[in-house]
Amino acid sequence: MSGVVREPDGIPRCPWGMESAQMADYRAYHDTEWGLPVHGDDALFERMSLEAFQSGLSWITILRRRPGFRAAFDGFHIPKVARFTDADAERLLTDPGIIRNRAKIAATINNAKIADGLAPGELDDLIWCYAPDRAGRPVPRTVSDLQPTTPESTALSKDLKKRGFRFVGPTTAYAMMQACGLVNDHLAECHVRAAVEAAAG
């Protein structure tokens, strides 16, 4: 399954967004969210944090826990998370609504502190300045056309790390770029691709 999938409802989707009883969460995320432009410091901080938690796990694991993550991290409101203490970190390690990984929890709190030191809108500008020229990117026709990293994601990762952000390697950075619409990696025949292009227009 390297191209779009049309079963069982006949609508062409990227393979990972195919419809099935087990993957309904993926289908909805694929159809209504993935690839659409995301702006706003808090919104991008949330995506950065969730992609970091996803490292080494399947995205569906994170997606199904997103309400729990939002509750645990005060809606990913940067100033609130930046004030989290060691006691908060210990509390989060007992929260069944999230992935209880000490290093990732610490990185999220650290990243909030770094982001809180930026001017309003600066995190948004920082991330989006690495969006490549859409006109210059080939349209992927199969999943084999997609790469786990790009020169832009590597540069974004390097910039974020230089500023003190953690768990923002090139692969994680590219997953965030895909999810937040900096690139459109819906396959050429996917029914969502045109909507994403229009939204980015």
C-alpha atoms as a PDB file:
ATOM      1  CA  MET A   1       0.000   0.000   0.000  1.00  0.00           C
ATOM      2  CA  SER A   2       2.229   2.787  -1.247  1.00  0.00           C
ATOM      3  CA  GLY A   3      -0.385   5.025  -2.868  1.00  0.00           C
ATOM      4  CA  VAL A   4      -3.766   6.274  -1.714  1.00  0.00           C
ATOM      5  CA  VAL A   5      -6.280   3.866  -0.200  1.00  0.00           C
ATOM      6  CA  ARG A   6      -9.948   3.930  -1.249  1.00  0.00           C
ATOM      7  CA  GLU A   7     -11.496   1.310   0.991  1.00  0.00           C
ATOM      8  CA  PRO A   8     -14.031   0.852   2.403  1.00  0.00           C
ATOM      9  CA  ASP A   9     -15.832   4.156   1.689  1.00  0.00           C
ATOM     10  CA  GLY A  10     -14.241   4.830  -1.695  1.00  0.00           C
ATOM     11  CA  ILE A  11     -12.677   8.134  -0.637  1.00  0.00           C
ATOM     12  CA  PRO A  12      -8.957   8.319  -1.541  1.00  0.00           C
ATOM     13  CA  ARG A  13      -6.758   8.828   1.506  1.00  0.00           C
ATOM     14  CA  CYS A  14      -3.127   8.532   2.466  1.00  0.00           C
ATOM     15  CA  PRO A  15      -2.610   4.914   3.611  1.00  0.00           C
ATOM     16  CA  TRP A  16      -2.225   5.827   7.275  1.00  0.00           C
ATOM     17  CA  GLY A  17      -5.593   7.612   7.204  1.00  0.00           C
ATOM     18  CA  MET A  18      -7.550   4.649   5.886  1.00  0.00           C
ATOM     19  CA  GLU A  19     -10.921   3.960   7.391  1.00  0.00           C
ATOM     20  CA  SER A  20     -11.402   0.961   9.620  1.00  0.00           C
ATOM     21  CA  ALA A  21     -12.990   0.254  12.953  1.00  0.00           C
ATOM     22  CA  GLN A  22      -9.569   0.335  14.592  1.00  0.00           C
ATOM     23  CA  MET A  23      -8.321   3.475  12.840  1.00  0.00           C
ATOM     24  CA  ALA A  24     -11.329   5.800  13.023  1.00  0.00           C
ATOM     25  CA  ASP A  25      -9.284   8.208  15.155  1.00  0.00           C
ATOM     26  CA  TYR A  26      -6.599   8.335  12.496  1.00  0.00           C
ATOM     27  CA  ARG A  27      -9.188   8.847   9.763  1.00  0.00           C
ATOM     28  CA  ALA A  28     -10.721  11.865  11.477  1.00  0.00           C
ATOM     29  CA  TYR A  29      -7.307  13.348  12.254  1.00  0.00           C
ATOM     30  CA  HIS A  30      -6.163  12.778   8.670  1.00  0.00           C
ATOM     31  CA  ASP A  31      -9.318  14.224   7.137  1.00  0.00           C
ATOM     32  CA  THR A  32      -9.804  17.288   9.327  1.00  0.00           C
ATOM     33  CA  GLU A  33      -6.503  18.292  10.904  1.00  0.00           C
ATOM     34  CA  TRP A  34      -3.217  16.870   9.637  1.00  0.00           C
ATOM     35  CA  GLY A  35      -1.471  19.250   7.279  1.00  0.00           C
ATOM     36  CA  LEU A  36      -3.734  22.241   7.833  1.00  0.00           C
ATOM     37  CA  PRO A  37      -1.776  25.382   8.819  1.00  0.00           C
ATOM     38  CA  VAL A  38      -1.396  25.848  12.573  1.00  0.00           C
ATOM     39  CA  HIS A  39      -0.439  29.229  13.986  1.00  0.00           C
ATOM     40  CA  GLY A  40      -0.162  30.617  17.503  1.00  0.00           C
ATOM     41  CA  ASP A  41       2.550  30.092  20.088  1.00  0.00           C
ATOM     42  CA  ASP A  42       0.465  27.878  22.387  1.00  0.00           C
ATOM     43  CA  ALA A  43      -0.913  25.785  19.526  1.00  0.00           C
ATOM     44  CA  LEU A  44       2.559  25.182  18.116  1.00  0.00           C
ATOM     45  CA  PHE A  45       3.954  24.462  21.571  1.00  0.00           C
ATOM     46  CA  GLU A  46       1.282  21.790  21.959  1.00  0.00           C
ATOM     47  CA  ARG A  47       2.199  20.180  18.640  1.00  0.00           C
ATOM     48  CA  MET A  48       5.901  20.335  19.487  1.00  0.00           C
ATOM     49  CA  SER A  49       5.221  18.696  22.847  1.00  0.00           C
ATOM     50  CA  LEU A  50       2.993  15.945  21.478  1.00  0.00           C
ATOM     51  CA  GLU A  51       5.461  15.108  18.720  1.00  0.00           C
ATOM     52  CA  ALA A  52       8.174  14.825  21.371  1.00  0.00           C
ATOM     53  CA  PHE A  53       6.025  12.445  23.417  1.00  0.00           C
ATOM     54  CA  GLN A  54       5.361  10.455  20.246  1.00  0.00           C
ATOM     55  CA  SER A  55       9.071   9.731  19.765  1.00  0.00           C
ATOM     56  CA  GLY A  56       9.456   5.948  19.786  1.00  0.00           C
ATOM     57  CA  LEU A  57       5.697   5.373  19.888  1.00  0.00           C
ATOM     58  CA  SER A  58       2.846   5.264  17.395  1.00  0.00           C
ATOM     59  CA  TRP A  59       0.984   8.526  16.787  1.00  0.00           C
ATOM     60  CA  ILE A  60      -2.363   6.885  17.568  1.00  0.00           C
ATOM     61  CA  THR A  61      -1.097   6.330  21.130  1.00  0.00           C
ATOM     62  CA  ILE A  62      -0.613  10.082  21.525  1.00  0.00           C
ATOM     63  CA  LEU A  63      -3.739  11.079  19.619  1.00  0.00           C
ATOM     64  CA  ARG A  64      -5.987   9.023  21.867  1.00  0.00           C
ATOM     65  CA  ARG A  65      -4.393  10.589  24.942  1.00  0.00           C
ATOM     66  CA  ARG A  66      -4.521  14.169  23.682  1.00  0.00           C
ATOM     67  CA  PRO A  67      -7.387  15.175  26.005  1.00  0.00           C
ATOM     68  CA  GLY A  68      -5.367  13.817  28.908  1.00  0.00           C
ATOM     69  CA  PHE A  69      -2.272  15.702  27.797  1.00  0.00           C
ATOM     70  CA  ARG A  70      -4.243  18.928  27.474  1.00  0.00           C
ATOM     71  CA  ALA A  71      -5.653  18.521  30.961  1.00  0.00           C
ATOM     72  CA  ALA A  72      -2.290  17.614  32.469  1.00  0.00           C
ATOM     73  CA  PHE A  73      -0.435  20.498  30.836  1.00  0.00           C
ATOM     74  CA  ASP A  74      -3.033  23.249  31.382  1.00  0.00           C
ATOM     75  CA  GLY A  75      -4.061  23.361  27.744  1.00  0.00           C
ATOM     76  CA  PHE A  76      -0.407  23.821  26.765  1.00  0.00           C
ATOM     77  CA  HIS A  77      -0.666  27.493  27.728  1.00  0.00           C
ATOM     78  CA  ILE A  78       3.014  28.389  27.707  1.00  0.00           C
ATOM     79  CA  PRO A  79       3.138  30.725  30.750  1.00  0.00           C
ATOM     80  CA  LYS A  80       1.273  28.180  32.896  1.00  0.00           C
ATOM     81  CA  VAL A  81       3.488  25.244  31.950  1.00  0.00           C
ATOM     82  CA  ALA A  82       6.580  27.420  32.385  1.00  0.00           C
ATOM     83  CA  ARG A  83       5.642  27.753  36.051  1.00  0.00           C
ATOM     84  CA  PHE A  84       5.516  23.989  36.622  1.00  0.00           C
ATOM     85  CA  THR A  85       7.771  22.866  39.460  1.00  0.00           C
ATOM     86  CA  ASP A  86       9.587  19.650  40.300  1.00  0.00           C
ATOM     87  CA  ALA A  87       6.492  18.703  42.300  1.00  0.00           C
ATOM     88  CA  ASP A  88       4.370  19.130  39.169  1.00  0.00           C
ATOM     89  CA  ALA A  89       6.762  16.901  37.246  1.00  0.00           C
ATOM     90  CA  GLU A  90       6.449  14.210  39.901  1.00  0.00           C
ATOM     91  CA  ARG A  91       2.658  14.560  39.831  1.00  0.00           C
ATOM     92  CA  LEU A  92       2.645  14.077  36.059  1.00  0.00           C
ATOM     93  CA  LEU A  93       4.584  10.845  36.462  1.00  0.00           C
ATOM     94  CA  THR A  94       1.499   9.409  38.180  1.00  0.00           C
ATOM     95  CA  ASP A  95      -1.031  10.740  35.652  1.00  0.00           C
ATOM     96  CA  PRO A  96      -2.558   7.819  33.688  1.00  0.00           C
ATOM     97  CA  GLY A  97      -3.904  10.220  31.040  1.00  0.00           C
ATOM     98  CA  ILE A  98      -0.472  10.853  29.532  1.00  0.00           C
ATOM     99  CA  ILE A  99       2.708   9.000  28.611  1.00  0.00           C
ATOM    100  CA  ARG A 100       4.598   8.903  31.895  1.00  0.00           C
ATOM    101  CA  ASN A 101       8.118   9.390  30.638  1.00  0.00           C
ATOM    102  CA  ARG A 102      10.332  11.419  32.969  1.00  0.00           C
ATOM    103  CA  ALA A 103      12.642  12.765  30.262  1.00  0.00           C
ATOM    104  CA  LYS A 104       9.778  13.857  28.010  1.00  0.00           C
ATOM    105  CA  ILE A 105       7.887  15.497  30.865  1.00  0.00           C
ATOM    106  CA  ALA A 106      11.029  17.384  31.872  1.00  0.00           C
ATOM    107  CA  ALA A 107      11.620  18.416  28.261  1.00  0.00           C
ATOM    108  CA  THR A 108       8.082  19.767  27.925  1.00  0.00           C
ATOM    109  CA  ILE A 109       8.439  21.889  31.050  1.00  0.00           C
ATOM    110  CA  ASN A 110      11.874  23.045  29.931  1.00  0.00           C
ATOM    111  CA  ASN A 111      10.558  23.935  26.484  1.00  0.00           C
ATOM    112  CA  ALA A 112       7.731  25.957  28.022  1.00  0.00           C
ATOM    113  CA  LYS A 113      10.268  27.949  30.027  1.00  0.00           C
ATOM    114  CA  ILE A 114      12.299  28.638  26.875  1.00  0.00           C
ATOM    115  CA  ALA A 115       9.188  29.587  24.894  1.00  0.00           C
ATOM    116  CA  ASP A 116       7.982  31.817  27.722  1.00  0.00           C
ATOM    117  CA  GLY A 117      11.155  33.848  27.349  1.00  0.00           C
ATOM    118  CA  LEU A 118      10.336  34.653  23.728  1.00  0.00           C
ATOM    119  CA  ALA A 119       8.281  37.628  22.626  1.00  0.00           C
ATOM    120  CA  PRO A 120       4.611  37.002  21.743  1.00  0.00           C
ATOM    121  CA  GLY A 121       4.462  35.466  18.280  1.00  0.00           C
ATOM    122  CA  GLU A 122       8.177  34.753  18.198  1.00  0.00           C
ATOM    123  CA  LEU A 123       7.803  30.967  18.481  1.00  0.00           C
ATOM    124  CA  ASP A 124       5.306  31.043  15.613  1.00  0.00           C
ATOM    125  CA  ASP A 125       7.684  33.134  13.500  1.00  0.00           C
ATOM    126  CA  LEU A 126      10.646  30.946  14.411  1.00  0.00           C
ATOM    127  CA  ILE A 127       8.966  27.719  13.342  1.00  0.00           C
ATOM    128  CA  TRP A 128       7.274  29.073  10.240  1.00  0.00           C
ATOM    129  CA  CYS A 129      10.406  30.722   8.882  1.00  0.00           C
ATOM    130  CA  TYR A 130      11.597  27.200   8.063  1.00  0.00           C
ATOM    131  CA  ALA A 131       8.614  26.390   5.857  1.00  0.00           C
ATOM    132  CA  PRO A 132      10.004  25.545   2.409  1.00  0.00           C
ATOM    133  CA  ASP A 133       8.767  27.102  -0.822  1.00  0.00           C
ATOM    134  CA  ARG A 134       5.667  25.064  -1.589  1.00  0.00           C
ATOM    135  CA  ALA A 135       6.005  25.660  -5.313  1.00  0.00           C
ATOM    136  CA  GLY A 136       9.439  24.092  -5.298  1.00  0.00           C
ATOM    137  CA  ARG A 137       8.443  20.846  -3.613  1.00  0.00           C
ATOM    138  CA  PRO A 138       7.477  17.794  -5.688  1.00  0.00           C
ATOM    139  CA  VAL A 139       4.024  16.410  -4.944  1.00  0.00           C
ATOM    140  CA  PRO A 140       4.327  12.979  -3.292  1.00  0.00           C
ATOM    141  CA  ARG A 141       2.470  10.247  -5.127  1.00  0.00           C
ATOM    142  CA  THR A 142       3.398   7.345  -2.870  1.00  0.00           C
ATOM    143  CA  VAL A 143       4.620   7.051   0.712  1.00  0.00           C
ATOM    144  CA  SER A 144       8.059   6.138  -0.640  1.00  0.00           C
ATOM    145  CA  ASP A 145       8.303   9.712  -1.912  1.00  0.00           C
ATOM    146  CA  LEU A 146       8.268  10.982   1.685  1.00  0.00           C
ATOM    147  CA  GLN A 147      11.414  11.299   3.764  1.00  0.00           C
ATOM    148  CA  PRO A 148      11.703  11.322   7.594  1.00  0.00           C
ATOM    149  CA  THR A 149      13.797  14.503   7.552  1.00  0.00           C
ATOM    150  CA  THR A 150      14.508  17.408   5.208  1.00  0.00           C
ATOM    151  CA  PRO A 151      17.160  20.126   5.115  1.00  0.00           C
ATOM    152  CA  GLU A 152      14.540  22.495   6.542  1.00  0.00           C
ATOM    153  CA  SER A 153      13.635  20.209   9.450  1.00  0.00           C
ATOM    154  CA  THR A 154      17.321  19.701  10.197  1.00  0.00           C
ATOM    155  CA  ALA A 155      17.862  23.471  10.237  1.00  0.00           C
ATOM    156  CA  LEU A 156      14.784  24.019  12.421  1.00  0.00           C
ATOM    157  CA  SER A 157      15.956  21.337  14.838  1.00  0.00           C
ATOM    158  CA  LYS A 158      19.394  22.919  15.058  1.00  0.00           C
ATOM    159  CA  ASP A 159      17.905  26.368  15.727  1.00  0.00           C
ATOM    160  CA  LEU A 160      15.551  25.085  18.416  1.00  0.00           C
ATOM    161  CA  LYS A 161      18.306  23.132  20.139  1.00  0.00           C
ATOM    162  CA  LYS A 162      20.590  26.168  20.076  1.00  0.00           C
ATOM    163  CA  ARG A 163      17.899  28.064  21.980  1.00  0.00           C
ATOM    164  CA  GLY A 164      17.658  25.312  24.600  1.00  0.00           C
ATOM    165  CA  PHE A 165      14.646  23.305  23.391  1.00  0.00           C
ATOM    166  CA  ARG A 166      14.804  19.545  23.948  1.00  0.00           C
ATOM    167  CA  PHE A 167      13.376  16.490  22.140  1.00  0.00           C
ATOM    168  CA  VAL A 168      13.335  18.435  18.879  1.00  0.00           C
ATOM    169  CA  GLY A 169      15.487  16.296  16.610  1.00  0.00           C
ATOM    170  CA  PRO A 170      15.188  16.576  12.807  1.00  0.00           C
ATOM    171  CA  THR A 171      12.643  13.728  12.562  1.00  0.00           C
ATOM    172  CA  THR A 172      10.462  15.174  15.327  1.00  0.00           C
ATOM    173  CA  ALA A 173      10.787  18.627  13.770  1.00  0.00           C
ATOM    174  CA  TYR A 174       9.671  17.285  10.395  1.00  0.00           C
ATOM    175  CA  ALA A 175       6.700  15.454  11.887  1.00  0.00           C
ATOM    176  CA  MET A 176       5.654  18.778  13.420  1.00  0.00           C
ATOM    177  CA  MET A 177       6.131  20.538  10.068  1.00  0.00           C
ATOM    178  CA  GLN A 178       3.896  17.941   8.390  1.00  0.00           C
ATOM    179  CA  ALA A 179       1.220  18.104  11.072  1.00  0.00           C
ATOM    180  CA  CYS A 180       1.166  21.903  11.236  1.00  0.00           C
ATOM    181  CA  GLY A 181       1.015  22.570   7.524  1.00  0.00           C
ATOM    182  CA  LEU A 182       4.496  23.920   6.892  1.00  0.00           C
ATOM    183  CA  VAL A 183       4.546  21.269   4.182  1.00  0.00           C
ATOM    184  CA  ASN A 184       1.727  19.410   2.465  1.00  0.00           C
ATOM    185  CA  ASP A 185       2.589  15.718   2.505  1.00  0.00           C
ATOM    186  CA  HIS A 186      -0.853  14.419   1.630  1.00  0.00           C
ATOM    187  CA  LEU A 187      -0.397  12.235  -1.434  1.00  0.00           C
ATOM    188  CA  ALA A 188      -1.303  13.626  -4.841  1.00  0.00           C
ATOM    189  CA  GLU A 189      -4.592  11.730  -5.102  1.00  0.00           C
ATOM    190  CA  CYS A 190      -5.607  12.159  -1.449  1.00  0.00           C
ATOM    191  CA  HIS A 191      -8.920  13.982  -1.123  1.00  0.00           C
ATOM    192  CA  VAL A 192      -7.519  16.281   1.568  1.00  0.00           C
ATOM    193  CA  ARG A 193      -4.560  17.611  -0.403  1.00  0.00           C
ATOM    194  CA  ALA A 194      -6.458  20.332  -2.280  1.00  0.00           C
ATOM    195  CA  ALA A 195      -8.104  21.599   0.911  1.00  0.00           C
ATOM    196  CA  VAL A 196      -4.713  21.884   2.585  1.00  0.00           C
ATOM    197  CA  GLU A 197      -3.317  23.776  -0.389  1.00  0.00           C
ATOM    198  CA  ALA A 198      -6.283  26.150  -0.327  1.00  0.00           C
ATOM    199  CA  ALA A 199      -5.886  26.757   3.399  1.00  0.00           C
ATOM    200  CA  ALA A 200      -2.212  27.526   2.945  1.00  0.00           C
ATOM    201  CA  GLY A 201      -2.917  29.739  -0.053  1.00  0.00           C
END
